[in-house]
Amino acid sequence: MESLKRNTSPIRMRNYGRIIQDMIGVATAEPNQTQREQMTLYIAQCMRQKNLIWNKDQESGTNRIKEDIITLSNGKLSCDFPAFEIEMQRMPQYLNKKKK
């Protein structure tokens, strides 16, 4: 198993942080397509939660998450599989409502 080293590359999108960036790096290296899709789903869920924390006035849409995954993975990860759309629809809607 590859030894874990501290990643010192610059953070590309600060609102997601280094952990998401590292998770995407691991997912792009995964040879099994099913595992890669599962990892992409989990990453998208984490990204949506972080995006909602940073952008309280903006709605965090599925399209934004897709674009950011593609950008951070340099096009190596795809969100064009049925389970992605289904899972993003299932996420709790109360997260999108503004607090009064």
N, C-alpha and C. Protein backbone atom coordinates (compact mmCIF):
# COMPACT_ATOMS: atom_id res chain seq x y z
N MET A 1 0.84 -1.18 0.00
CA MET A 1 0.00 0.00 0.00
C MET A 1 0.89 1.24 0.00
N GLU A 2 0.46 2.20 -0.75
CA GLU A 2 1.22 3.44 -0.88
C GLU A 2 1.22 4.19 0.46
N SER A 3 2.38 4.68 0.85
CA SER A 3 2.44 5.42 2.11
C SER A 3 1.77 6.77 1.94
N LEU A 4 1.13 7.22 2.99
CA LEU A 4 0.41 8.49 2.95
C LEU A 4 1.37 9.63 3.23
N LYS A 5 1.41 10.58 2.34
CA LYS A 5 2.24 11.76 2.50
C LYS A 5 1.35 12.98 2.51
N ARG A 6 1.78 13.98 3.22
CA ARG A 6 1.01 15.22 3.29
C ARG A 6 1.02 15.89 1.92
N ASN A 7 -0.15 16.23 1.45
CA ASN A 7 -0.29 16.89 0.17
C ASN A 7 0.02 18.37 0.34
N THR A 8 0.99 18.86 -0.39
CA THR A 8 1.39 20.26 -0.27
C THR A 8 1.01 21.08 -1.50
N SER A 9 0.27 20.49 -2.43
CA SER A 9 -0.15 21.24 -3.61
C SER A 9 -1.18 22.30 -3.19
N PRO A 10 -1.27 23.38 -3.94
CA PRO A 10 -2.22 24.44 -3.58
C PRO A 10 -3.67 23.95 -3.64
N ILE A 11 -4.50 24.50 -2.80
CA ILE A 11 -5.92 24.16 -2.79
C ILE A 11 -6.56 24.88 -3.97
N ARG A 12 -7.25 24.15 -4.82
CA ARG A 12 -7.81 24.73 -6.03
C ARG A 12 -9.13 25.45 -5.76
N MET A 13 -9.95 24.94 -4.88
CA MET A 13 -11.22 25.57 -4.54
C MET A 13 -11.32 25.59 -3.02
N ARG A 14 -11.09 26.75 -2.45
CA ARG A 14 -11.02 26.87 -1.00
C ARG A 14 -12.31 26.49 -0.30
N ASN A 15 -13.45 26.72 -0.95
CA ASN A 15 -14.71 26.40 -0.29
C ASN A 15 -14.90 24.91 -0.06
N TYR A 16 -14.18 24.07 -0.79
CA TYR A 16 -14.26 22.63 -0.56
C TYR A 16 -13.12 22.12 0.30
N GLY A 17 -11.97 22.72 0.21
CA GLY A 17 -10.85 22.34 1.04
C GLY A 17 -10.00 21.22 0.46
N ARG A 18 -8.92 20.96 1.14
CA ARG A 18 -7.94 19.96 0.68
C ARG A 18 -8.50 18.55 0.75
N ILE A 19 -9.34 18.26 1.71
CA ILE A 19 -9.84 16.89 1.85
C ILE A 19 -10.63 16.47 0.62
N ILE A 20 -11.51 17.33 0.14
CA ILE A 20 -12.28 17.01 -1.07
C ILE A 20 -11.33 16.84 -2.26
N GLN A 21 -10.36 17.71 -2.36
CA GLN A 21 -9.38 17.64 -3.44
C GLN A 21 -8.63 16.31 -3.38
N ASP A 22 -8.24 15.89 -2.20
CA ASP A 22 -7.55 14.60 -2.04
C ASP A 22 -8.47 13.43 -2.34
N MET A 23 -9.73 13.53 -1.93
CA MET A 23 -10.69 12.47 -2.21
C MET A 23 -10.88 12.29 -3.72
N ILE A 24 -10.93 13.40 -4.43
CA ILE A 24 -11.06 13.33 -5.89
C ILE A 24 -9.82 12.69 -6.50
N GLY A 25 -8.66 12.99 -5.96
CA GLY A 25 -7.43 12.35 -6.44
C GLY A 25 -7.46 10.85 -6.27
N VAL A 26 -7.97 10.38 -5.14
CA VAL A 26 -8.07 8.94 -4.90
C VAL A 26 -9.10 8.31 -5.85
N ALA A 27 -10.21 9.00 -6.07
CA ALA A 27 -11.26 8.47 -6.95
C ALA A 27 -10.78 8.38 -8.40
N THR A 28 -9.99 9.34 -8.84
CA THR A 28 -9.50 9.28 -10.23
C THR A 28 -8.52 8.13 -10.44
N ALA A 29 -7.86 7.70 -9.38
CA ALA A 29 -6.91 6.60 -9.48
C ALA A 29 -7.57 5.23 -9.36
N GLU A 30 -8.85 5.18 -9.01
CA GLU A 30 -9.57 3.92 -8.82
C GLU A 30 -9.85 3.26 -10.18
N PRO A 31 -9.37 2.03 -10.40
CA PRO A 31 -9.59 1.37 -11.70
C PRO A 31 -11.01 0.79 -11.86
N ASN A 32 -11.65 0.41 -10.77
CA ASN A 32 -12.98 -0.20 -10.81
C ASN A 32 -14.04 0.88 -11.02
N GLN A 33 -14.79 0.80 -12.12
CA GLN A 33 -15.78 1.82 -12.46
C GLN A 33 -16.90 1.92 -11.41
N THR A 34 -17.36 0.81 -10.88
CA THR A 34 -18.42 0.83 -9.86
C THR A 34 -17.94 1.53 -8.60
N GLN A 35 -16.74 1.20 -8.18
CA GLN A 35 -16.17 1.87 -7.00
C GLN A 35 -15.98 3.37 -7.26
N ARG A 36 -15.54 3.69 -8.45
CA ARG A 36 -15.33 5.09 -8.82
C ARG A 36 -16.64 5.88 -8.76
N GLU A 37 -17.73 5.28 -9.24
CA GLU A 37 -19.04 5.94 -9.18
C GLU A 37 -19.50 6.13 -7.74
N GLN A 38 -19.29 5.12 -6.90
CA GLN A 38 -19.66 5.23 -5.49
C GLN A 38 -18.86 6.34 -4.80
N MET A 39 -17.59 6.41 -5.11
CA MET A 39 -16.75 7.45 -4.54
C MET A 39 -17.20 8.83 -5.02
N THR A 40 -17.57 8.93 -6.28
CA THR A 40 -18.04 10.20 -6.83
C THR A 40 -19.33 10.65 -6.14
N LEU A 41 -20.22 9.71 -5.86
CA LEU A 41 -21.46 10.04 -5.13
C LEU A 41 -21.15 10.58 -3.74
N TYR A 42 -20.26 9.92 -3.04
CA TYR A 42 -19.91 10.36 -1.69
C TYR A 42 -19.25 11.74 -1.72
N ILE A 43 -18.37 11.94 -2.68
CA ILE A 43 -17.70 13.24 -2.82
C ILE A 43 -18.74 14.33 -3.11
N ALA A 44 -19.69 14.04 -3.98
CA ALA A 44 -20.73 15.02 -4.32
C ALA A 44 -21.56 15.39 -3.09
N GLN A 45 -21.87 14.42 -2.25
CA GLN A 45 -22.62 14.71 -1.03
C GLN A 45 -21.82 15.61 -0.10
N CYS A 46 -20.54 15.31 0.05
CA CYS A 46 -19.68 16.15 0.90
C CYS A 46 -19.55 17.56 0.33
N MET A 47 -19.42 17.65 -0.99
CA MET A 47 -19.29 18.96 -1.63
C MET A 47 -20.56 19.78 -1.45
N ARG A 48 -21.69 19.14 -1.55
CA ARG A 48 -22.95 19.87 -1.39
C ARG A 48 -23.07 20.43 0.03
N GLN A 49 -22.70 19.64 1.02
CA GLN A 49 -22.75 20.13 2.40
C GLN A 49 -21.78 21.29 2.61
N LYS A 50 -20.57 21.18 2.10
CA LYS A 50 -19.60 22.27 2.25
C LYS A 50 -20.04 23.51 1.48
N ASN A 51 -20.62 23.31 0.30
CA ASN A 51 -21.08 24.44 -0.49
C ASN A 51 -22.21 25.18 0.22
N LEU A 52 -23.06 24.47 0.89
CA LEU A 52 -24.15 25.11 1.64
C LEU A 52 -23.63 25.89 2.83
N ILE A 53 -22.55 25.43 3.43
CA ILE A 53 -21.96 26.15 4.56
C ILE A 53 -21.34 27.46 4.10
N TRP A 54 -20.62 27.42 2.98
CA TRP A 54 -19.91 28.61 2.49
C TRP A 54 -20.84 29.59 1.79
N ASN A 55 -21.86 29.10 1.10
CA ASN A 55 -22.74 29.95 0.30
C ASN A 55 -24.15 29.91 0.85
N LYS A 56 -24.38 30.57 1.95
CA LYS A 56 -25.69 30.53 2.60
C LYS A 56 -26.78 31.22 1.78
N ASP A 57 -26.41 32.18 0.96
CA ASP A 57 -27.40 32.90 0.17
C ASP A 57 -27.68 32.23 -1.17
N GLN A 58 -26.81 31.36 -1.60
CA GLN A 58 -26.97 30.69 -2.88
C GLN A 58 -27.50 29.28 -2.70
N GLU A 59 -28.30 28.86 -3.65
CA GLU A 59 -28.72 27.47 -3.65
C GLU A 59 -27.62 26.63 -4.29
N SER A 60 -27.32 25.54 -3.67
CA SER A 60 -26.26 24.66 -4.17
C SER A 60 -26.89 23.65 -5.11
N GLY A 61 -26.82 23.91 -6.40
CA GLY A 61 -27.45 23.05 -7.38
C GLY A 61 -26.59 21.89 -7.80
N THR A 62 -27.24 20.90 -8.36
CA THR A 62 -26.55 19.70 -8.84
C THR A 62 -25.58 20.05 -9.96
N ASN A 63 -25.97 20.99 -10.82
CA ASN A 63 -25.10 21.36 -11.93
C ASN A 63 -23.80 21.97 -11.44
N ARG A 64 -23.87 22.75 -10.39
CA ARG A 64 -22.66 23.36 -9.83
C ARG A 64 -21.71 22.28 -9.30
N ILE A 65 -22.28 21.30 -8.61
CA ILE A 65 -21.48 20.20 -8.07
C ILE A 65 -20.82 19.42 -9.21
N LYS A 66 -21.59 19.12 -10.26
CA LYS A 66 -21.05 18.40 -11.41
C LYS A 66 -19.87 19.15 -12.02
N GLU A 67 -20.06 20.44 -12.26
CA GLU A 67 -19.01 21.25 -12.87
C GLU A 67 -17.75 21.26 -12.01
N ASP A 68 -17.94 21.38 -10.70
CA ASP A 68 -16.79 21.43 -9.80
C ASP A 68 -16.06 20.09 -9.74
N ILE A 69 -16.80 18.99 -9.78
CA ILE A 69 -16.15 17.66 -9.79
C ILE A 69 -15.32 17.50 -11.06
N ILE A 70 -15.88 17.90 -12.19
CA ILE A 70 -15.16 17.80 -13.45
C ILE A 70 -13.92 18.69 -13.44
N THR A 71 -14.07 19.90 -12.90
CA THR A 71 -12.94 20.83 -12.83
C THR A 71 -11.84 20.30 -11.93
N LEU A 72 -12.20 19.86 -10.73
CA LEU A 72 -11.20 19.38 -9.78
C LEU A 72 -10.52 18.09 -10.23
N SER A 73 -11.23 17.29 -11.01
CA SER A 73 -10.63 16.03 -11.48
C SER A 73 -9.98 16.17 -12.85
N ASN A 74 -9.95 17.37 -13.38
CA ASN A 74 -9.41 17.62 -14.73
C ASN A 74 -10.10 16.74 -15.77
N GLY A 75 -11.41 16.55 -15.61
CA GLY A 75 -12.20 15.79 -16.56
C GLY A 75 -12.09 14.28 -16.42
N LYS A 76 -11.42 13.79 -15.40
CA LYS A 76 -11.24 12.34 -15.24
C LYS A 76 -12.44 11.66 -14.59
N LEU A 77 -13.23 12.41 -13.82
CA LEU A 77 -14.44 11.85 -13.20
C LEU A 77 -15.66 12.35 -13.95
N SER A 78 -16.62 11.46 -14.10
CA SER A 78 -17.86 11.80 -14.78
C SER A 78 -19.03 11.66 -13.81
N CYS A 79 -20.01 12.53 -13.97
CA CYS A 79 -21.21 12.47 -13.14
C CYS A 79 -22.41 12.03 -13.98
N ASP A 80 -22.13 11.49 -15.15
CA ASP A 80 -23.19 11.10 -16.08
C ASP A 80 -23.56 9.62 -15.92
N PHE A 81 -24.07 9.29 -14.74
CA PHE A 81 -24.59 7.94 -14.52
C PHE A 81 -25.88 8.10 -13.71
N PRO A 82 -26.85 7.20 -13.92
CA PRO A 82 -28.19 7.37 -13.33
C PRO A 82 -28.20 7.50 -11.81
N ALA A 83 -27.36 6.78 -11.13
CA ALA A 83 -27.36 6.82 -9.66
C ALA A 83 -27.01 8.21 -9.14
N PHE A 84 -26.21 8.96 -9.88
CA PHE A 84 -25.82 10.30 -9.44
C PHE A 84 -27.04 11.21 -9.38
N GLU A 85 -27.83 11.21 -10.44
CA GLU A 85 -29.03 12.06 -10.47
C GLU A 85 -30.02 11.65 -9.39
N ILE A 86 -30.20 10.36 -9.23
CA ILE A 86 -31.15 9.86 -8.22
C ILE A 86 -30.70 10.27 -6.82
N GLU A 87 -29.43 10.08 -6.52
CA GLU A 87 -28.92 10.39 -5.18
C GLU A 87 -28.96 11.89 -4.90
N MET A 88 -28.66 12.70 -5.88
CA MET A 88 -28.69 14.15 -5.68
C MET A 88 -30.12 14.65 -5.47
N GLN A 89 -31.09 13.97 -6.06
CA GLN A 89 -32.49 14.32 -5.85
C GLN A 89 -32.96 13.92 -4.45
N ARG A 90 -32.38 12.84 -3.91
CA ARG A 90 -32.79 12.32 -2.61
C ARG A 90 -32.24 13.12 -1.43
N MET A 91 -31.25 13.95 -1.67
CA MET A 91 -30.64 14.70 -0.56
C MET A 91 -31.70 15.58 0.08
N PRO A 92 -31.63 15.76 1.37
CA PRO A 92 -32.65 16.52 2.10
C PRO A 92 -32.86 17.92 1.52
N GLN A 93 -34.11 18.24 1.26
CA GLN A 93 -34.45 19.54 0.70
C GLN A 93 -34.36 20.66 1.72
N TYR A 94 -34.45 20.33 3.02
CA TYR A 94 -34.38 21.38 4.02
C TYR A 94 -33.04 22.09 4.03
N LEU A 95 -32.02 21.46 3.45
CA LEU A 95 -30.72 22.10 3.39
C LEU A 95 -30.73 23.33 2.49
N ASN A 96 -31.65 23.35 1.52
CA ASN A 96 -31.70 24.47 0.58
C ASN A 96 -32.52 25.64 1.10
N LYS A 97 -33.31 25.45 2.14
CA LYS A 97 -34.16 26.53 2.66
C LYS A 97 -33.34 27.50 3.50
N LYS A 98 -33.61 28.77 3.31
CA LYS A 98 -32.93 29.79 4.08
C LYS A 98 -33.54 29.87 5.47
N LYS A 99 -32.69 30.10 6.45
CA LYS A 99 -33.18 30.27 7.81
C LYS A 99 -33.66 31.70 7.97
N LYS A 100 -34.75 31.84 8.71
CA LYS A 100 -35.31 33.18 8.93
C LYS A 100 -34.82 33.78 10.22
